[in-house]
Amino acid sequence: MAKKAKKRKYSKGAAKKVGRAMKKRKAGTLRSGRSGRKVKSKKQAIAIGLSEARKKGAKVPKKKRSKKS
């Protein structure tokens, strides 16, 4: 049996945006949106990269919504 080709969850453009955000974080020049504070966590840098990719129209899964109880 031949293996089914796996579709990409994230496009190459999205990966580039995240990579750029990670490099900026490491250099200490990545700032968060509204407050303009310096980003220190890797998770936040990834989130910024993905949101930039979404704005550009790259293939990125939708944000996960939190459930309200």
PDB file of N, CA and C in Angstrom:
ATOM      1  N   MET A   1       0.817  -1.195   0.000  1.00  0.00           N
ATOM      2  CA  MET A   1       0.000   0.000   0.000  1.00  0.00           C
ATOM      3  C   MET A   1       0.861   1.259   0.000  1.00  0.00           C
ATOM      4  N   ALA A   2       0.473   2.213  -0.800  1.00  0.00           N
ATOM      5  CA  ALA A   2       1.185   3.479  -0.850  1.00  0.00           C
ATOM      6  C   ALA A   2       0.697   4.389   0.267  1.00  0.00           C
ATOM      7  N   LYS A   3       1.641   5.120   0.865  1.00  0.00           N
ATOM      8  CA  LYS A   3       1.269   6.037   1.940  1.00  0.00           C
ATOM      9  C   LYS A   3       0.620   7.279   1.354  1.00  0.00           C
ATOM     10  N   LYS A   4      -0.394   7.777   2.026  1.00  0.00           N
ATOM     11  CA  LYS A   4      -1.084   8.989   1.604  1.00  0.00           C
ATOM     12  C   LYS A   4      -0.216  10.196   1.964  1.00  0.00           C
ATOM     13  N   ALA A   5      -0.081  11.112   1.018  1.00  0.00           N
ATOM     14  CA  ALA A   5       0.716  12.306   1.272  1.00  0.00           C
ATOM     15  C   ALA A   5       0.046  13.162   2.341  1.00  0.00           C
ATOM     16  N   LYS A   6       0.841  13.631   3.287  1.00  0.00           N
ATOM     17  CA  LYS A   6       0.313  14.426   4.381  1.00  0.00           C
ATOM     18  C   LYS A   6       0.269  15.901   3.981  1.00  0.00           C
ATOM     19  N   LYS A   7      -0.873  16.537   4.219  1.00  0.00           N
ATOM     20  CA  LYS A   7      -1.003  17.956   3.907  1.00  0.00           C
ATOM     21  C   LYS A   7      -0.360  18.775   5.015  1.00  0.00           C
ATOM     22  N   ARG A   8       0.216  19.893   4.615  1.00  0.00           N
ATOM     23  CA  ARG A   8       0.843  20.783   5.593  1.00  0.00           C
ATOM     24  C   ARG A   8      -0.204  21.533   6.400  1.00  0.00           C
ATOM     25  N   LYS A   9       0.004  21.622   7.704  1.00  0.00           N
ATOM     26  CA  LYS A   9      -0.888  22.426   8.544  1.00  0.00           C
ATOM     27  C   LYS A   9      -0.560  23.898   8.377  1.00  0.00           C
ATOM     28  N   TYR A  10       0.729  24.200   8.315  1.00  0.00           N
ATOM     29  CA  TYR A  10       1.203  25.576   8.184  1.00  0.00           C
ATOM     30  C   TYR A  10       1.956  25.709   6.868  1.00  0.00           C
ATOM     31  N   SER A  11       1.790  26.827   6.198  1.00  0.00           N
ATOM     32  CA  SER A  11       2.491  27.045   4.932  1.00  0.00           C
ATOM     33  C   SER A  11       3.955  27.412   5.190  1.00  0.00           C
ATOM     34  N   LYS A  12       4.751  27.398   4.140  1.00  0.00           N
ATOM     35  CA  LYS A  12       6.167  27.765   4.271  1.00  0.00           C
ATOM     36  C   LYS A  12       6.301  29.226   4.670  1.00  0.00           C
ATOM     37  N   GLY A  13       5.399  30.052   4.154  1.00  0.00           N
ATOM     38  CA  GLY A  13       5.407  31.483   4.499  1.00  0.00           C
ATOM     39  C   GLY A  13       5.174  31.700   5.985  1.00  0.00           C
ATOM     40  N   ALA A  14       4.281  30.892   6.565  1.00  0.00           N
ATOM     41  CA  ALA A  14       4.010  30.995   7.997  1.00  0.00           C
ATOM     42  C   ALA A  14       5.244  30.589   8.799  1.00  0.00           C
ATOM     43  N   ALA A  15       5.921  29.552   8.342  1.00  0.00           N
ATOM     44  CA  ALA A  15       7.131  29.088   9.028  1.00  0.00           C
ATOM     45  C   ALA A  15       8.213  30.164   9.001  1.00  0.00           C
ATOM     46  N   LYS A  16       8.313  30.883   7.886  1.00  0.00           N
ATOM     47  CA  LYS A  16       9.303  31.968   7.772  1.00  0.00           C
ATOM     48  C   LYS A  16       8.987  33.094   8.744  1.00  0.00           C
ATOM     49  N   LYS A  17       7.699  33.434   8.868  1.00  0.00           N
ATOM     50  CA  LYS A  17       7.281  34.502   9.781  1.00  0.00           C
ATOM     51  C   LYS A  17       7.616  34.144  11.227  1.00  0.00           C
ATOM     52  N   VAL A  18       7.349  32.876  11.587  1.00  0.00           N
ATOM     53  CA  VAL A  18       7.642  32.428  12.953  1.00  0.00           C
ATOM     54  C   VAL A  18       9.149  32.445  13.181  1.00  0.00           C
ATOM     55  N   GLY A  19       9.907  31.984  12.205  1.00  0.00           N
ATOM     56  CA  GLY A  19      11.370  31.985  12.318  1.00  0.00           C
ATOM     57  C   GLY A  19      11.924  33.386  12.497  1.00  0.00           C
ATOM     58  N   ARG A  20      11.348  34.337  11.769  1.00  0.00           N
ATOM     59  CA  ARG A  20      11.791  35.733  11.860  1.00  0.00           C
ATOM     60  C   ARG A  20      11.479  36.292  13.257  1.00  0.00           C
ATOM     61  N   ALA A  21      10.288  35.962  13.766  1.00  0.00           N
ATOM     62  CA  ALA A  21       9.893  36.434  15.095  1.00  0.00           C
ATOM     63  C   ALA A  21      10.811  35.852  16.172  1.00  0.00           C
ATOM     64  N   MET A  22      11.192  34.580  16.010  1.00  0.00           N
ATOM     65  CA  MET A  22      12.077  33.937  16.986  1.00  0.00           C
ATOM     66  C   MET A  22      13.463  34.598  16.980  1.00  0.00           C
ATOM     67  N   LYS A  23      13.957  34.936  15.795  1.00  0.00           N
ATOM     68  CA  LYS A  23      15.261  35.605  15.697  1.00  0.00           C
ATOM     69  C   LYS A  23      15.207  36.991  16.336  1.00  0.00           C
ATOM     70  N   LYS A  24      14.106  37.710  16.099  1.00  0.00           N
ATOM     71  CA  LYS A  24      13.936  39.041  16.692  1.00  0.00           C
ATOM     72  C   LYS A  24      13.866  38.955  18.213  1.00  0.00           C
ATOM     73  N   ARG A  25      13.182  37.898  18.721  1.00  0.00           N
ATOM     74  CA  ARG A  25      13.086  37.716  20.175  1.00  0.00           C
ATOM     75  C   ARG A  25      14.464  37.487  20.770  1.00  0.00           C
ATOM     76  N   LYS A  26      15.250  36.646  20.092  1.00  0.00           N
ATOM     77  CA  LYS A  26      16.588  36.330  20.595  1.00  0.00           C
ATOM     78  C   LYS A  26      17.492  37.572  20.587  1.00  0.00           C
ATOM     79  N   ALA A  27      17.286  38.419  19.569  1.00  0.00           N
ATOM     80  CA  ALA A  27      18.076  39.645  19.481  1.00  0.00           C
ATOM     81  C   ALA A  27      17.586  40.697  20.478  1.00  0.00           C
ATOM     82  N   GLY A  28      16.359  40.502  20.996  1.00  0.00           N
ATOM     83  CA  GLY A  28      15.812  41.440  21.977  1.00  0.00           C
ATOM     84  C   GLY A  28      15.078  42.600  21.356  1.00  0.00           C
ATOM     85  N   THR A  29      14.684  42.476  20.087  1.00  0.00           N
ATOM     86  CA  THR A  29      14.005  43.584  19.407  1.00  0.00           C
ATOM     87  C   THR A  29      12.530  43.311  19.144  1.00  0.00           C
ATOM     88  N   LEU A  30      12.035  42.135  19.526  1.00  0.00           N
ATOM     89  CA  LEU A  30      10.625  41.804  19.300  1.00  0.00           C
ATOM     90  C   LEU A  30       9.776  42.428  20.395  1.00  0.00           C
ATOM     91  N   ARG A  31       8.760  43.184  19.985  1.00  0.00           N
ATOM     92  CA  ARG A  31       7.889  43.868  20.934  1.00  0.00           C
ATOM     93  C   ARG A  31       6.462  43.392  20.751  1.00  0.00           C
ATOM     94  N   SER A  32       5.710  43.367  21.854  1.00  0.00           N
ATOM     95  CA  SER A  32       4.311  42.952  21.772  1.00  0.00           C
ATOM     96  C   SER A  32       3.478  44.114  21.243  1.00  0.00           C
ATOM     97  N   GLY A  33       2.276  43.784  20.772  1.00  0.00           N
ATOM     98  CA  GLY A  33       1.422  44.739  20.087  1.00  0.00           C
ATOM     99  C   GLY A  33       1.089  46.013  20.812  1.00  0.00           C
ATOM    100  N   ARG A  34       0.075  45.970  21.659  1.00  0.00           N
ATOM    101  CA  ARG A  34      -0.484  47.198  22.221  1.00  0.00           C
ATOM    102  C   ARG A  34       0.442  47.864  23.231  1.00  0.00           C
ATOM    103  N   SER A  35       1.000  47.088  24.143  1.00  0.00           N
ATOM    104  CA  SER A  35       1.812  47.679  25.213  1.00  0.00           C
ATOM    105  C   SER A  35       3.214  48.050  24.732  1.00  0.00           C
ATOM    106  N   GLY A  36       3.722  47.341  23.736  1.00  0.00           N
ATOM    107  CA  GLY A  36       5.061  47.619  23.228  1.00  0.00           C
ATOM    108  C   GLY A  36       6.169  47.083  24.116  1.00  0.00           C
ATOM    109  N   ARG A  37       5.808  46.158  25.021  1.00  0.00           N
ATOM    110  CA  ARG A  37       6.813  45.563  25.901  1.00  0.00           C
ATOM    111  C   ARG A  37       7.658  44.550  25.154  1.00  0.00           C
ATOM    112  N   LYS A  38       8.886  44.354  25.632  1.00  0.00           N
ATOM    113  CA  LYS A  38       9.780  43.384  25.019  1.00  0.00           C
ATOM    114  C   LYS A  38       9.267  41.968  25.276  1.00  0.00           C
ATOM    115  N   VAL A  39       9.255  41.141  24.230  1.00  0.00           N
ATOM    116  CA  VAL A  39       8.786  39.755  24.340  1.00  0.00           C
ATOM    117  C   VAL A  39       9.936  38.891  24.831  1.00  0.00           C
ATOM    118  N   LYS A  40       9.656  38.079  25.878  1.00  0.00           N
ATOM    119  CA  LYS A  40      10.699  37.229  26.447  1.00  0.00           C
ATOM    120  C   LYS A  40      10.438  35.751  26.221  1.00  0.00           C
ATOM    121  N   SER A  41       9.165  35.339  26.119  1.00  0.00           N
ATOM    122  CA  SER A  41       8.857  33.911  26.008  1.00  0.00           C
ATOM    123  C   SER A  41       8.806  33.438  24.559  1.00  0.00           C
ATOM    124  N   LYS A  42       9.206  32.174  24.366  1.00  0.00           N
ATOM    125  CA  LYS A  42       9.181  31.569  23.028  1.00  0.00           C
ATOM    126  C   LYS A  42       7.754  31.433  22.531  1.00  0.00           C
ATOM    127  N   LYS A  43       6.840  31.054  23.432  1.00  0.00           N
ATOM    128  CA  LYS A  43       5.438  30.867  23.052  1.00  0.00           C
ATOM    129  C   LYS A  43       4.844  32.152  22.498  1.00  0.00           C
ATOM    130  N   GLN A  44       5.143  33.264  23.141  1.00  0.00           N
ATOM    131  CA  GLN A  44       4.607  34.545  22.699  1.00  0.00           C
ATOM    132  C   GLN A  44       5.201  34.938  21.348  1.00  0.00           C
ATOM    133  N   ALA A  45       6.487  34.645  21.134  1.00  0.00           N
ATOM    134  CA  ALA A  45       7.132  34.946  19.859  1.00  0.00           C
ATOM    135  C   ALA A  45       6.490  34.135  18.736  1.00  0.00           C
ATOM    136  N   ILE A  46       6.191  32.867  18.990  1.00  0.00           N
ATOM    137  CA  ILE A  46       5.533  32.016  17.995  1.00  0.00           C
ATOM    138  C   ILE A  46       4.149  32.558  17.686  1.00  0.00           C
ATOM    139  N   ALA A  47       3.415  32.967  18.721  1.00  0.00           N
ATOM    140  CA  ALA A  47       2.066  33.510  18.532  1.00  0.00           C
ATOM    141  C   ALA A  47       2.092  34.776  17.689  1.00  0.00           C
ATOM    142  N   ILE A  48       3.078  35.629  17.905  1.00  0.00           N
ATOM    143  CA  ILE A  48       3.208  36.861  17.120  1.00  0.00           C
ATOM    144  C   ILE A  48       3.502  36.523  15.665  1.00  0.00           C
ATOM    145  N   GLY A  49       4.412  35.570  15.438  1.00  0.00           N
ATOM    146  CA  GLY A  49       4.743  35.153  14.069  1.00  0.00           C
ATOM    147  C   GLY A  49       3.548  34.583  13.334  1.00  0.00           C
ATOM    148  N   LEU A  50       2.752  33.754  14.023  1.00  0.00           N
ATOM    149  CA  LEU A  50       1.568  33.153  13.398  1.00  0.00           C
ATOM    150  C   LEU A  50       0.496  34.196  13.107  1.00  0.00           C
ATOM    151  N   SER A  51       0.321  35.162  14.007  1.00  0.00           N
ATOM    152  CA  SER A  51      -0.698  36.183  13.763  1.00  0.00           C
ATOM    153  C   SER A  51      -0.303  37.075  12.589  1.00  0.00           C
ATOM    154  N   GLU A  52       0.999  37.345  12.444  1.00  0.00           N
ATOM    155  CA  GLU A  52       1.479  38.119  11.288  1.00  0.00           C
ATOM    156  C   GLU A  52       1.238  37.336  10.002  1.00  0.00           C
ATOM    157  N   ALA A  53       1.467  36.029  10.059  1.00  0.00           N
ATOM    158  CA  ALA A  53       1.249  35.181   8.881  1.00  0.00           C
ATOM    159  C   ALA A  53      -0.231  35.151   8.504  1.00  0.00           C
ATOM    160  N   ARG A  54      -1.110  35.105   9.523  1.00  0.00           N
ATOM    161  CA  ARG A  54      -2.558  35.128   9.265  1.00  0.00           C
ATOM    162  C   ARG A  54      -2.962  36.412   8.551  1.00  0.00           C
ATOM    163  N   LYS A  55      -2.400  37.540   9.003  1.00  0.00           N
ATOM    164  CA  LYS A  55      -2.720  38.831   8.396  1.00  0.00           C
ATOM    165  C   LYS A  55      -2.295  38.885   6.933  1.00  0.00           C
ATOM    166  N   LYS A  56      -1.185  38.217   6.612  1.00  0.00           N
ATOM    167  CA  LYS A  56      -0.683  38.188   5.236  1.00  0.00           C
ATOM    168  C   LYS A  56      -1.430  37.188   4.363  1.00  0.00           C
ATOM    169  N   GLY A  57      -2.259  36.341   4.989  1.00  0.00           N
ATOM    170  CA  GLY A  57      -3.052  35.375   4.232  1.00  0.00           C
ATOM    171  C   GLY A  57      -2.390  34.025   4.058  1.00  0.00           C
ATOM    172  N   ALA A  58      -1.376  33.720   4.879  1.00  0.00           N
ATOM    173  CA  ALA A  58      -0.707  32.423   4.802  1.00  0.00           C
ATOM    174  C   ALA A  58      -1.606  31.339   5.387  1.00  0.00           C
ATOM    175  N   LYS A  59      -1.322  30.098   5.038  1.00  0.00           N
ATOM    176  CA  LYS A  59      -2.124  28.976   5.530  1.00  0.00           C
ATOM    177  C   LYS A  59      -1.729  28.670   6.973  1.00  0.00           C
ATOM    178  N   VAL A  60      -2.623  29.044   7.883  1.00  0.00           N
ATOM    179  CA  VAL A  60      -2.412  28.839   9.309  1.00  0.00           C
ATOM    180  C   VAL A  60      -3.741  28.412   9.906  1.00  0.00           C
ATOM    181  N   PRO A  61      -3.773  27.365  10.747  1.00  0.00           N
ATOM    182  CA  PRO A  61      -5.032  26.973  11.379  1.00  0.00           C
ATOM    183  C   PRO A  61      -5.612  28.111  12.221  1.00  0.00           C
ATOM    184  N   LYS A  62      -6.920  28.083  12.414  1.00  0.00           N
ATOM    185  CA  LYS A  62      -7.588  29.125  13.194  1.00  0.00           C
ATOM    186  C   LYS A  62      -7.135  29.075  14.639  1.00  0.00           C
ATOM    187  N   LYS A  63      -7.260  30.218  15.319  1.00  0.00           N
ATOM    188  CA  LYS A  63      -6.939  30.288  16.735  1.00  0.00           C
ATOM    189  C   LYS A  63      -7.885  29.390  17.510  1.00  0.00           C
ATOM    190  N   LYS A  64      -7.381  28.755  18.563  1.00  0.00           N
ATOM    191  CA  LYS A  64      -8.240  27.937  19.407  1.00  0.00           C
ATOM    192  C   LYS A  64      -8.932  28.854  20.399  1.00  0.00           C
ATOM    193  N   ARG A  65     -10.242  28.727  20.489  1.00  0.00           N
ATOM    194  CA  ARG A  65     -11.027  29.549  21.408  1.00  0.00           C
ATOM    195  C   ARG A  65     -11.127  28.853  22.756  1.00  0.00           C
ATOM    196  N   SER A  66     -11.056  29.638  23.815  1.00  0.00           N
ATOM    197  CA  SER A  66     -11.222  29.043  25.146  1.00  0.00           C
ATOM    198  C   SER A  66     -12.706  28.866  25.443  1.00  0.00           C
ATOM    199  N   LYS A  67     -13.001  27.807  26.175  1.00  0.00           N
ATOM    200  CA  LYS A  67     -14.397  27.519  26.521  1.00  0.00           C
ATOM    201  C   LYS A  67     -14.782  28.299  27.760  1.00  0.00           C
ATOM    202  N   LYS A  68     -15.913  28.953  27.713  1.00  0.00           N
ATOM    203  CA  LYS A  68     -16.418  29.675  28.877  1.00  0.00           C
ATOM    204  C   LYS A  68     -17.330  28.759  29.667  1.00  0.00           C
ATOM    205  N   SER A  69     -17.134  28.724  30.963  1.00  0.00           N
ATOM    206  CA  SER A  69     -17.971  27.839  31.783  1.00  0.00           C
ATOM    207  C   SER A  69     -19.064  28.579  32.519  1.00  0.00           C
TER     208      SER A  69
END
